[in-house]
Amino acid sequence: MPVFPTDLRALADEALARIAGDEAGPASNWVAQEDWKQWRAMLTRLRTVLAPPPPSFALFDVPS
C-alpha cells in the first residue's frame, strides 16, 4: 500500500467508519444482506491499515 499523508488516512478511516456504522444507509444498497458480515470484516481490516499511526513522541517525560 502506498504511503498516504496522515490527514488523508484519518479522513478515509472516518469515511469508512460512517459507512460501516450505518446499516440502513447507502451501504445497504451496495451489499447483499447475506454478504454484510464479510463486507464489514473487510472494512474493519482496511480501517486497521488506514488508522493513523500513534504519535512518535513521548506525551509525558517520566524520569527513570
Protein backbone atom coordinates (compact mmCIF):
# COMPACT_ATOMS: atom_id res chain seq x y z
CA MET A 1 0.00 0.00 0.00
CA PRO A 2 1.42 3.43 -0.84
CA VAL A 3 2.23 5.87 1.92
CA PHE A 4 -0.52 8.46 2.32
CA PRO A 5 -0.38 11.64 4.39
CA THR A 6 -1.75 11.17 7.91
CA ASP A 7 -4.59 13.64 7.36
CA LEU A 8 -5.86 11.71 4.30
CA ARG A 9 -5.58 8.41 6.16
CA ALA A 10 -7.66 9.85 9.00
CA LEU A 11 -10.32 11.13 6.56
CA ALA A 12 -10.51 7.76 4.80
CA ASP A 13 -10.81 5.96 8.13
CA GLU A 14 -13.60 8.31 9.23
CA ALA A 15 -15.48 7.79 5.95
CA LEU A 16 -15.25 4.01 6.27
CA ALA A 17 -16.41 4.19 9.89
CA ARG A 18 -19.52 6.11 8.82
CA ILE A 19 -20.30 3.69 6.01
CA ALA A 20 -19.79 0.62 8.19
CA GLY A 21 -21.81 2.05 11.07
CA ASP A 22 -24.93 2.89 9.08
CA GLU A 23 -26.59 -0.39 8.15
CA ALA A 24 -29.68 1.40 6.84
CA GLY A 25 -27.67 3.94 4.82
CA PRO A 26 -26.13 3.74 1.35
CA ALA A 27 -24.20 0.59 2.20
CA SER A 28 -27.46 -1.36 2.36
CA ASN A 29 -27.78 -0.79 -1.41
CA TRP A 30 -24.18 -1.77 -2.12
CA VAL A 31 -24.01 -5.14 -0.38
CA ALA A 32 -26.42 -8.04 -0.28
CA GLN A 33 -27.68 -8.91 3.21
CA GLU A 34 -26.02 -12.34 3.11
CA ASP A 35 -22.64 -10.73 2.37
CA TRP A 36 -22.92 -7.98 5.03
CA LYS A 37 -20.77 -9.69 7.70
CA GLN A 38 -17.95 -10.43 5.27
CA TRP A 39 -18.10 -6.89 3.87
CA ARG A 40 -17.92 -5.35 7.36
CA ALA A 41 -14.95 -7.57 8.22
CA MET A 42 -13.18 -6.32 5.09
CA LEU A 43 -13.89 -2.70 6.08
CA THR A 44 -12.51 -3.37 9.56
CA ARG A 45 -9.28 -4.77 8.09
CA LEU A 46 -8.98 -1.79 5.77
CA ARG A 47 -9.56 0.65 8.64
CA THR A 48 -6.79 -1.09 10.58
CA VAL A 49 -4.40 -0.36 7.72
CA LEU A 50 -5.61 3.23 7.32
CA ALA A 51 -5.72 4.13 11.01
CA PRO A 52 -3.29 6.96 11.65
CA PRO A 53 -0.09 5.80 13.35
CA PRO A 54 0.31 6.65 17.02
CA PRO A 55 2.39 9.73 17.84
CA SER A 56 6.11 9.07 17.64
CA PHE A 57 6.96 11.39 20.51
CA ALA A 58 6.60 10.90 24.25
CA LEU A 59 3.49 12.53 25.65
CA PHE A 60 4.97 12.68 29.14
CA ASP A 61 8.52 12.92 30.36
CA VAL A 62 8.79 10.23 33.04
CA PRO A 63 12.05 10.24 34.98
CA SER A 64 13.62 6.80 35.45
